[in-house]
Amino acid sequence: MADVLVLPEILDLKAAAPLKAELVARRGQDLVLDASGVQRLGGLCLQVLLSAARTWAADGVNLRLGSVSQPLGEQWAAFGAPDLINEGAQA
């Protein structure tokens, strides 16, 4: 069973280092990111999430977004980021 990491409401510059630390601590494990409460996504946290997706893929383990808030979905699309968020359901 995959571990679940609940993402904070605000994924901004201040959240980037703690987010990275949480992800590094779970490296090598199947992981579901619960993004149902995310209201704001900043560029640095987007980069952390995209890097994690590549790292998990290279390690051969699953990383996916579970529930995704509407604001996160809209902001992700506005950045023009790869289609990682369609793995989960909109909250």
PDB file of N, CA and C in Angstrom:
ATOM      1  N   MET A   1       0.839  -1.182   0.000  1.00  0.00           N
ATOM      2  CA  MET A   1       0.000   0.000   0.000  1.00  0.00           C
ATOM      3  C   MET A   1       0.884   1.247   0.000  1.00  0.00           C
ATOM      4  N   ALA A   2       0.474   2.220  -0.791  1.00  0.00           N
ATOM      5  CA  ALA A   2       1.257   3.446  -0.928  1.00  0.00           C
ATOM      6  C   ALA A   2       1.098   4.347   0.294  1.00  0.00           C
ATOM      7  N   ASP A   3       2.179   5.011   0.637  1.00  0.00           N
ATOM      8  CA  ASP A   3       2.161   6.025   1.682  1.00  0.00           C
ATOM      9  C   ASP A   3       1.444   7.252   1.116  1.00  0.00           C
ATOM     10  N   VAL A   4       0.811   8.050   1.958  1.00  0.00           N
ATOM     11  CA  VAL A   4       0.110   9.259   1.530  1.00  0.00           C
ATOM     12  C   VAL A   4       0.769  10.467   2.174  1.00  0.00           C
ATOM     13  N   LEU A   5       1.082  11.447   1.348  1.00  0.00           N
ATOM     14  CA  LEU A   5       1.619  12.718   1.829  1.00  0.00           C
ATOM     15  C   LEU A   5       0.587  13.796   1.529  1.00  0.00           C
ATOM     16  N   VAL A   6       0.060  14.428   2.575  1.00  0.00           N
ATOM     17  CA  VAL A   6      -0.906  15.504   2.410  1.00  0.00           C
ATOM     18  C   VAL A   6      -0.126  16.795   2.164  1.00  0.00           C
ATOM     19  N   LEU A   7      -0.377  17.410   1.028  1.00  0.00           N
ATOM     20  CA  LEU A   7       0.321  18.647   0.677  1.00  0.00           C
ATOM     21  C   LEU A   7      -0.313  19.828   1.405  1.00  0.00           C
ATOM     22  N   PRO A   8       0.508  20.828   1.768  1.00  0.00           N
ATOM     23  CA  PRO A   8      -0.035  21.997   2.473  1.00  0.00           C
ATOM     24  C   PRO A   8      -0.913  22.853   1.565  1.00  0.00           C
ATOM     25  N   GLU A   9      -1.703  23.705   2.194  1.00  0.00           N
ATOM     26  CA  GLU A   9      -2.617  24.576   1.462  1.00  0.00           C
ATOM     27  C   GLU A   9      -1.865  25.532   0.531  1.00  0.00           C
ATOM     28  N   ILE A  10      -0.742  26.039   0.996  1.00  0.00           N
ATOM     29  CA  ILE A  10       0.042  27.000   0.224  1.00  0.00           C
ATOM     30  C   ILE A  10       1.386  26.363  -0.124  1.00  0.00           C
ATOM     31  N   LEU A  11       1.614  26.170  -1.402  1.00  0.00           N
ATOM     32  CA  LEU A  11       2.890  25.627  -1.889  1.00  0.00           C
ATOM     33  C   LEU A  11       3.681  26.777  -2.514  1.00  0.00           C
ATOM     34  N   ASP A  12       4.306  27.574  -1.659  1.00  0.00           N
ATOM     35  CA  ASP A  12       5.060  28.736  -2.105  1.00  0.00           C
ATOM     36  C   ASP A  12       6.542  28.549  -1.781  1.00  0.00           C
ATOM     37  N   LEU A  13       7.295  29.611  -1.852  1.00  0.00           N
ATOM     38  CA  LEU A  13       8.728  29.567  -1.598  1.00  0.00           C
ATOM     39  C   LEU A  13       9.037  28.976  -0.221  1.00  0.00           C
ATOM     40  N   LYS A  14       8.281  29.367   0.798  1.00  0.00           N
ATOM     41  CA  LYS A  14       8.511  28.860   2.158  1.00  0.00           C
ATOM     42  C   LYS A  14       8.241  27.369   2.270  1.00  0.00           C
ATOM     43  N   ALA A  15       7.368  26.845   1.442  1.00  0.00           N
ATOM     44  CA  ALA A  15       6.993  25.426   1.512  1.00  0.00           C
ATOM     45  C   ALA A  15       7.942  24.522   0.730  1.00  0.00           C
ATOM     46  N   ALA A  16       8.779  25.086  -0.119  1.00  0.00           N
ATOM     47  CA  ALA A  16       9.612  24.277  -1.015  1.00  0.00           C
ATOM     48  C   ALA A  16      10.599  23.374  -0.273  1.00  0.00           C
ATOM     49  N   ALA A  17      11.351  23.924   0.671  1.00  0.00           N
ATOM     50  CA  ALA A  17      12.349  23.109   1.381  1.00  0.00           C
ATOM     51  C   ALA A  17      11.690  22.021   2.231  1.00  0.00           C
ATOM     52  N   PRO A  18      10.638  22.342   3.002  1.00  0.00           N
ATOM     53  CA  PRO A  18       9.978  21.261   3.748  1.00  0.00           C
ATOM     54  C   PRO A  18       9.363  20.200   2.835  1.00  0.00           C
ATOM     55  N   LEU A  19       8.807  20.617   1.701  1.00  0.00           N
ATOM     56  CA  LEU A  19       8.250  19.661   0.747  1.00  0.00           C
ATOM     57  C   LEU A  19       9.333  18.734   0.218  1.00  0.00           C
ATOM     58  N   LYS A  20      10.460  19.316  -0.145  1.00  0.00           N
ATOM     59  CA  LYS A  20      11.577  18.498  -0.632  1.00  0.00           C
ATOM     60  C   LYS A  20      12.016  17.498   0.439  1.00  0.00           C
ATOM     61  N   ALA A  21      12.126  17.961   1.683  1.00  0.00           N
ATOM     62  CA  ALA A  21      12.548  17.075   2.773  1.00  0.00           C
ATOM     63  C   ALA A  21      11.564  15.929   2.973  1.00  0.00           C
ATOM     64  N   GLU A  22      10.269  16.224   2.912  1.00  0.00           N
ATOM     65  CA  GLU A  22       9.242  15.178   3.047  1.00  0.00           C
ATOM     66  C   GLU A  22       9.365  14.154   1.918  1.00  0.00           C
ATOM     67  N   LEU A  23       9.603  14.631   0.720  1.00  0.00           N
ATOM     68  CA  LEU A  23       9.722  13.724  -0.425  1.00  0.00           C
ATOM     69  C   LEU A  23      10.991  12.877  -0.337  1.00  0.00           C
ATOM     70  N   VAL A  24      12.097  13.494   0.016  1.00  0.00           N
ATOM     71  CA  VAL A  24      13.361  12.762   0.137  1.00  0.00           C
ATOM     72  C   VAL A  24      13.231  11.661   1.188  1.00  0.00           C
ATOM     73  N   ALA A  25      12.537  11.953   2.277  1.00  0.00           N
ATOM     74  CA  ALA A  25      12.355  10.963   3.337  1.00  0.00           C
ATOM     75  C   ALA A  25      11.540   9.758   2.866  1.00  0.00           C
ATOM     76  N   ARG A  26      10.742   9.943   1.826  1.00  0.00           N
ATOM     77  CA  ARG A  26       9.894   8.863   1.320  1.00  0.00           C
ATOM     78  C   ARG A  26      10.404   8.256   0.010  1.00  0.00           C
ATOM     79  N   ARG A  27      11.571   8.670  -0.416  1.00  0.00           N
ATOM     80  CA  ARG A  27      12.117   8.159  -1.671  1.00  0.00           C
ATOM     81  C   ARG A  27      12.223   6.639  -1.629  1.00  0.00           C
ATOM     82  N   GLY A  28      11.881   6.007  -2.743  1.00  0.00           N
ATOM     83  CA  GLY A  28      11.941   4.559  -2.849  1.00  0.00           C
ATOM     84  C   GLY A  28      10.651   3.870  -2.453  1.00  0.00           C
ATOM     85  N   GLN A  29       9.671   4.633  -1.975  1.00  0.00           N
ATOM     86  CA  GLN A  29       8.373   4.086  -1.578  1.00  0.00           C
ATOM     87  C   GLN A  29       7.302   4.547  -2.558  1.00  0.00           C
ATOM     88  N   ASP A  30       6.307   3.705  -2.802  1.00  0.00           N
ATOM     89  CA  ASP A  30       5.140   4.163  -3.541  1.00  0.00           C
ATOM     90  C   ASP A  30       4.503   5.283  -2.735  1.00  0.00           C
ATOM     91  N   LEU A  31       4.108   6.352  -3.422  1.00  0.00           N
ATOM     92  CA  LEU A  31       3.623   7.535  -2.724  1.00  0.00           C
ATOM     93  C   LEU A  31       2.466   8.165  -3.473  1.00  0.00           C
ATOM     94  N   VAL A  32       1.440   8.521  -2.719  1.00  0.00           N
ATOM     95  CA  VAL A  32       0.301   9.271  -3.243  1.00  0.00           C
ATOM     96  C   VAL A  32       0.338  10.647  -2.609  1.00  0.00           C
ATOM     97  N   LEU A  33       0.245  11.678  -3.434  1.00  0.00           N
ATOM     98  CA  LEU A  33       0.216  13.053  -2.946  1.00  0.00           C
ATOM     99  C   LEU A  33      -1.234  13.507  -2.877  1.00  0.00           C
ATOM    100  N   ASP A  34      -1.702  13.822  -1.681  1.00  0.00           N
ATOM    101  CA  ASP A  34      -3.063  14.317  -1.499  1.00  0.00           C
ATOM    102  C   ASP A  34      -3.015  15.832  -1.654  1.00  0.00           C
ATOM    103  N   ALA A  35      -3.499  16.318  -2.778  1.00  0.00           N
ATOM    104  CA  ALA A  35      -3.459  17.745  -3.080  1.00  0.00           C
ATOM    105  C   ALA A  35      -4.842  18.376  -2.995  1.00  0.00           C
ATOM    106  N   SER A  36      -5.743  17.739  -2.262  1.00  0.00           N
ATOM    107  CA  SER A  36      -7.122  18.209  -2.197  1.00  0.00           C
ATOM    108  C   SER A  36      -7.272  19.556  -1.496  1.00  0.00           C
ATOM    109  N   GLY A  37      -6.326  19.920  -0.645  1.00  0.00           N
ATOM    110  CA  GLY A  37      -6.422  21.177   0.081  1.00  0.00           C
ATOM    111  C   GLY A  37      -5.539  22.287  -0.454  1.00  0.00           C
ATOM    112  N   VAL A  38      -4.828  22.040  -1.540  1.00  0.00           N
ATOM    113  CA  VAL A  38      -3.903  23.044  -2.074  1.00  0.00           C
ATOM    114  C   VAL A  38      -4.682  24.192  -2.713  1.00  0.00           C
ATOM    115  N   GLN A  39      -4.372  25.407  -2.273  1.00  0.00           N
ATOM    116  CA  GLN A  39      -5.026  26.596  -2.811  1.00  0.00           C
ATOM    117  C   GLN A  39      -4.100  27.446  -3.675  1.00  0.00           C
ATOM    118  N   ARG A  40      -2.785  27.272  -3.478  1.00  0.00           N
ATOM    119  CA  ARG A  40      -1.841  28.083  -4.260  1.00  0.00           C
ATOM    120  C   ARG A  40      -0.590  27.270  -4.550  1.00  0.00           C
ATOM    121  N   LEU A  41      -0.148  27.335  -5.793  1.00  0.00           N
ATOM    122  CA  LEU A  41       1.054  26.626  -6.243  1.00  0.00           C
ATOM    123  C   LEU A  41       2.053  27.626  -6.801  1.00  0.00           C
ATOM    124  N   GLY A  42       3.234  27.653  -6.200  1.00  0.00           N
ATOM    125  CA  GLY A  42       4.304  28.513  -6.695  1.00  0.00           C
ATOM    126  C   GLY A  42       5.254  27.735  -7.591  1.00  0.00           C
ATOM    127  N   GLY A  43       6.049  28.459  -8.337  1.00  0.00           N
ATOM    128  CA  GLY A  43       6.954  27.851  -9.303  1.00  0.00           C
ATOM    129  C   GLY A  43       7.995  26.928  -8.690  1.00  0.00           C
ATOM    130  N   LEU A  44       8.527  27.284  -7.536  1.00  0.00           N
ATOM    131  CA  LEU A  44       9.561  26.453  -6.927  1.00  0.00           C
ATOM    132  C   LEU A  44       8.987  25.114  -6.456  1.00  0.00           C
ATOM    133  N   CYS A  45       7.799  25.132  -5.865  1.00  0.00           N
ATOM    134  CA  CYS A  45       7.179  23.865  -5.446  1.00  0.00           C
ATOM    135  C   CYS A  45       6.779  23.037  -6.663  1.00  0.00           C
ATOM    136  N   LEU A  46       6.372  23.692  -7.729  1.00  0.00           N
ATOM    137  CA  LEU A  46       6.102  22.963  -8.964  1.00  0.00           C
ATOM    138  C   LEU A  46       7.358  22.225  -9.412  1.00  0.00           C
ATOM    139  N   GLN A  47       8.505  22.893  -9.366  1.00  0.00           N
ATOM    140  CA  GLN A  47       9.765  22.257  -9.754  1.00  0.00           C
ATOM    141  C   GLN A  47      10.100  21.085  -8.834  1.00  0.00           C
ATOM    142  N   VAL A  48       9.848  21.236  -7.540  1.00  0.00           N
ATOM    143  CA  VAL A  48      10.100  20.146  -6.590  1.00  0.00           C
ATOM    144  C   VAL A  48       9.231  18.942  -6.941  1.00  0.00           C
ATOM    145  N   LEU A  49       7.959  19.177  -7.239  1.00  0.00           N
ATOM    146  CA  LEU A  49       7.046  18.087  -7.578  1.00  0.00           C
ATOM    147  C   LEU A  49       7.427  17.412  -8.894  1.00  0.00           C
ATOM    148  N   LEU A  50       7.806  18.200  -9.884  1.00  0.00           N
ATOM    149  CA  LEU A  50       8.222  17.622 -11.168  1.00  0.00           C
ATOM    150  C   LEU A  50       9.516  16.822 -11.016  1.00  0.00           C
ATOM    151  N   SER A  51      10.433  17.328 -10.213  1.00  0.00           N
ATOM    152  CA  SER A  51      11.670  16.605  -9.957  1.00  0.00           C
ATOM    153  C   SER A  51      11.381  15.286  -9.245  1.00  0.00           C
ATOM    154  N   ALA A  52      10.472  15.324  -8.279  1.00  0.00           N
ATOM    155  CA  ALA A  52      10.098  14.092  -7.576  1.00  0.00           C
ATOM    156  C   ALA A  52       9.502  13.078  -8.539  1.00  0.00           C
ATOM    157  N   ALA A  53       8.663  13.541  -9.450  1.00  0.00           N
ATOM    158  CA  ALA A  53       8.051  12.629 -10.423  1.00  0.00           C
ATOM    159  C   ALA A  53       9.124  11.943 -11.269  1.00  0.00           C
ATOM    160  N   ARG A  54      10.107  12.692 -11.691  1.00  0.00           N
ATOM    161  CA  ARG A  54      11.201  12.103 -12.489  1.00  0.00           C
ATOM    162  C   ARG A  54      12.042  11.151 -11.651  1.00  0.00           C
ATOM    163  N   THR A  55      12.293  11.517 -10.404  1.00  0.00           N
ATOM    164  CA  THR A  55      13.092  10.676  -9.515  1.00  0.00           C
ATOM    165  C   THR A  55      12.383   9.352  -9.251  1.00  0.00           C
ATOM    166  N   TRP A  56      11.096   9.425  -8.933  1.00  0.00           N
ATOM    167  CA  TRP A  56      10.338   8.202  -8.669  1.00  0.00           C
ATOM    168  C   TRP A  56      10.300   7.319  -9.916  1.00  0.00           C
ATOM    169  N   ALA A  57      10.117   7.927 -11.079  1.00  0.00           N
ATOM    170  CA  ALA A  57      10.103   7.150 -12.324  1.00  0.00           C
ATOM    171  C   ALA A  57      11.452   6.475 -12.552  1.00  0.00           C
ATOM    172  N   ALA A  58      12.537   7.196 -12.316  1.00  0.00           N
ATOM    173  CA  ALA A  58      13.879   6.625 -12.492  1.00  0.00           C
ATOM    174  C   ALA A  58      14.133   5.492 -11.502  1.00  0.00           C
ATOM    175  N   ASP A  59      13.545   5.599 -10.307  1.00  0.00           N
ATOM    176  CA  ASP A  59      13.699   4.568  -9.283  1.00  0.00           C
ATOM    177  C   ASP A  59      12.761   3.382  -9.499  1.00  0.00           C
ATOM    178  N   GLY A  60      11.814   3.527 -10.435  1.00  0.00           N
ATOM    179  CA  GLY A  60      10.880   2.449 -10.718  1.00  0.00           C
ATOM    180  C   GLY A  60       9.795   2.259  -9.676  1.00  0.00           C
ATOM    181  N   VAL A  61       9.460   3.321  -8.951  1.00  0.00           N
ATOM    182  CA  VAL A  61       8.371   3.263  -7.971  1.00  0.00           C
ATOM    183  C   VAL A  61       7.292   4.271  -8.361  1.00  0.00           C
ATOM    184  N   ASN A  62       6.115   4.099  -7.803  1.00  0.00           N
ATOM    185  CA  ASN A  62       4.966   4.922  -8.185  1.00  0.00           C
ATOM    186  C   ASN A  62       4.857   6.181  -7.347  1.00  0.00           C
ATOM    187  N   LEU A  63       4.650   7.282  -8.031  1.00  0.00           N
ATOM    188  CA  LEU A  63       4.325   8.559  -7.408  1.00  0.00           C
ATOM    189  C   LEU A  63       3.152   9.108  -8.196  1.00  0.00           C
ATOM    190  N   ARG A  64       2.070   9.403  -7.500  1.00  0.00           N
ATOM    191  CA  ARG A  64       0.915   9.956  -8.203  1.00  0.00           C
ATOM    192  C   ARG A  64       0.177  10.934  -7.312  1.00  0.00           C
ATOM    193  N   LEU A  65      -0.578  11.792  -7.955  1.00  0.00           N
ATOM    194  CA  LEU A  65      -1.441  12.697  -7.222  1.00  0.00           C
ATOM    195  C   LEU A  65      -2.772  12.001  -7.004  1.00  0.00           C
ATOM    196  N   GLY A  66      -3.245  12.052  -5.776  1.00  0.00           N
ATOM    197  CA  GLY A  66      -4.569  11.524  -5.476  1.00  0.00           C
ATOM    198  C   GLY A  66      -5.586  12.603  -5.798  1.00  0.00           C
ATOM    199  N   SER A  67      -6.303  13.044  -4.815  1.00  0.00           N
ATOM    200  CA  SER A  67      -7.271  14.120  -5.016  1.00  0.00           C
ATOM    201  C   SER A  67      -6.535  15.433  -5.285  1.00  0.00           C
ATOM    202  N   VAL A  68      -7.067  16.179  -6.234  1.00  0.00           N
ATOM    203  CA  VAL A  68      -6.459  17.447  -6.637  1.00  0.00           C
ATOM    204  C   VAL A  68      -7.503  18.548  -6.523  1.00  0.00           C
ATOM    205  N   SER A  69      -7.159  19.623  -5.835  1.00  0.00           N
ATOM    206  CA  SER A  69      -8.090  20.749  -5.715  1.00  0.00           C
ATOM    207  C   SER A  69      -8.219  21.458  -7.056  1.00  0.00           C
ATOM    208  N   GLN A  70      -9.341  22.128  -7.237  1.00  0.00           N
ATOM    209  CA  GLN A  70      -9.547  22.888  -8.466  1.00  0.00           C
ATOM    210  C   GLN A  70      -8.490  23.981  -8.637  1.00  0.00           C
ATOM    211  N   PRO A  71      -8.166  24.751  -7.568  1.00  0.00           N
ATOM    212  CA  PRO A  71      -7.129  25.773  -7.738  1.00  0.00           C
ATOM    213  C   PRO A  71      -5.784  25.183  -8.181  1.00  0.00           C
ATOM    214  N   LEU A  72      -5.403  24.044  -7.616  1.00  0.00           N
ATOM    215  CA  LEU A  72      -4.138  23.434  -8.032  1.00  0.00           C
ATOM    216  C   LEU A  72      -4.199  23.032  -9.504  1.00  0.00           C
ATOM    217  N   GLY A  73      -5.282  22.417  -9.906  1.00  0.00           N
ATOM    218  CA  GLY A  73      -5.419  22.015 -11.305  1.00  0.00           C
ATOM    219  C   GLY A  73      -5.307  23.192 -12.258  1.00  0.00           C
ATOM    220  N   GLU A  74      -5.950  24.289 -11.902  1.00  0.00           N
ATOM    221  CA  GLU A  74      -5.911  25.488 -12.747  1.00  0.00           C
ATOM    222  C   GLU A  74      -4.511  26.097 -12.788  1.00  0.00           C
ATOM    223  N   GLN A  75      -3.853  26.172 -11.622  1.00  0.00           N
ATOM    224  CA  GLN A  75      -2.522  26.768 -11.575  1.00  0.00           C
ATOM    225  C   GLN A  75      -1.500  25.883 -12.282  1.00  0.00           C
ATOM    226  N   TRP A  76      -1.640  24.570 -12.123  1.00  0.00           N
ATOM    227  CA  TRP A  76      -0.744  23.626 -12.807  1.00  0.00           C
ATOM    228  C   TRP A  76      -0.843  23.846 -14.314  1.00  0.00           C
ATOM    229  N   ALA A  77      -2.070  23.931 -14.810  1.00  0.00           N
ATOM    230  CA  ALA A  77      -2.290  24.139 -16.248  1.00  0.00           C
ATOM    231  C   ALA A  77      -1.746  25.496 -16.698  1.00  0.00           C
ATOM    232  N   ALA A  78      -1.912  26.527 -15.852  1.00  0.00           N
ATOM    233  CA  ALA A  78      -1.422  27.861 -16.208  1.00  0.00           C
ATOM    234  C   ALA A  78       0.100  27.880 -16.363  1.00  0.00           C
ATOM    235  N   PHE A  79       0.801  27.054 -15.577  1.00  0.00           N
ATOM    236  CA  PHE A  79       2.249  26.942 -15.715  1.00  0.00           C
ATOM    237  C   PHE A  79       2.625  26.195 -16.992  1.00  0.00           C
ATOM    238  N   GLY A  80       1.679  25.448 -17.576  1.00  0.00           N
ATOM    239  CA  GLY A  80       1.983  24.646 -18.755  1.00  0.00           C
ATOM    240  C   GLY A  80       2.818  23.429 -18.413  1.00  0.00           C
ATOM    241  N   ALA A  81       2.695  22.958 -17.173  1.00  0.00           N
ATOM    242  CA  ALA A  81       3.500  21.826 -16.699  1.00  0.00           C
ATOM    243  C   ALA A  81       3.007  20.520 -17.316  1.00  0.00           C
ATOM    244  N   PRO A  82       3.879  19.510 -17.353  1.00  0.00           N
ATOM    245  CA  PRO A  82       3.475  18.200 -17.872  1.00  0.00           C
ATOM    246  C   PRO A  82       2.251  17.659 -17.139  1.00  0.00           C
ATOM    247  N   ASP A  83       1.575  16.741 -17.763  1.00  0.00           N
ATOM    248  CA  ASP A  83       0.258  16.287 -17.347  1.00  0.00           C
ATOM    249  C   ASP A  83       0.271  15.307 -16.178  1.00  0.00           C
ATOM    250  N   LEU A  84       1.029  15.589 -15.143  1.00  0.00           N
ATOM    251  CA  LEU A  84       1.100  14.726 -13.968  1.00  0.00           C
ATOM    252  C   LEU A  84      -0.197  14.700 -13.192  1.00  0.00           C
ATOM    253  N   ILE A  85      -0.929  15.823 -13.155  1.00  0.00           N
ATOM    254  CA  ILE A  85      -2.083  15.897 -12.290  1.00  0.00           C
ATOM    255  C   ILE A  85      -3.268  15.071 -12.760  1.00  0.00           C
ATOM    256  N   ASN A  86      -3.322  14.670 -13.993  1.00  0.00           N
ATOM    257  CA  ASN A  86      -4.459  13.888 -14.448  1.00  0.00           C
ATOM    258  C   ASN A  86      -4.440  12.461 -13.934  1.00  0.00           C
ATOM    259  N   GLU A  87      -3.435  12.116 -13.154  1.00  0.00           N
ATOM    260  CA  GLU A  87      -3.380  10.800 -12.528  1.00  0.00           C
ATOM    261  C   GLU A  87      -4.437  10.660 -11.450  1.00  0.00           C
ATOM    262  N   GLY A  88      -4.811  11.770 -10.822  1.00  0.00           N
ATOM    263  CA  GLY A  88      -5.755  11.701  -9.709  1.00  0.00           C
ATOM    264  C   GLY A  88      -7.094  12.316 -10.080  1.00  0.00           C
ATOM    265  N   ALA A  89      -8.006  12.295  -9.137  1.00  0.00           N
ATOM    266  CA  ALA A  89      -9.336  12.845  -9.346  1.00  0.00           C
ATOM    267  C   ALA A  89      -9.393  14.269  -8.824  1.00  0.00           C
ATOM    268  N   GLN A  90     -10.156  15.096  -9.477  1.00  0.00           N
ATOM    269  CA  GLN A  90     -10.367  16.461  -8.994  1.00  0.00           C
ATOM    270  C   GLN A  90     -11.182  16.405  -7.717  1.00  0.00           C
ATOM    271  N   ALA A  91     -10.796  17.182  -6.708  1.00  0.00           N
ATOM    272  CA  ALA A  91     -11.536  17.202  -5.439  1.00  0.00           C
ATOM    273  C   ALA A  91     -12.722  18.139  -5.538  1.00  0.00           C
TER     274      ALA A  91
END
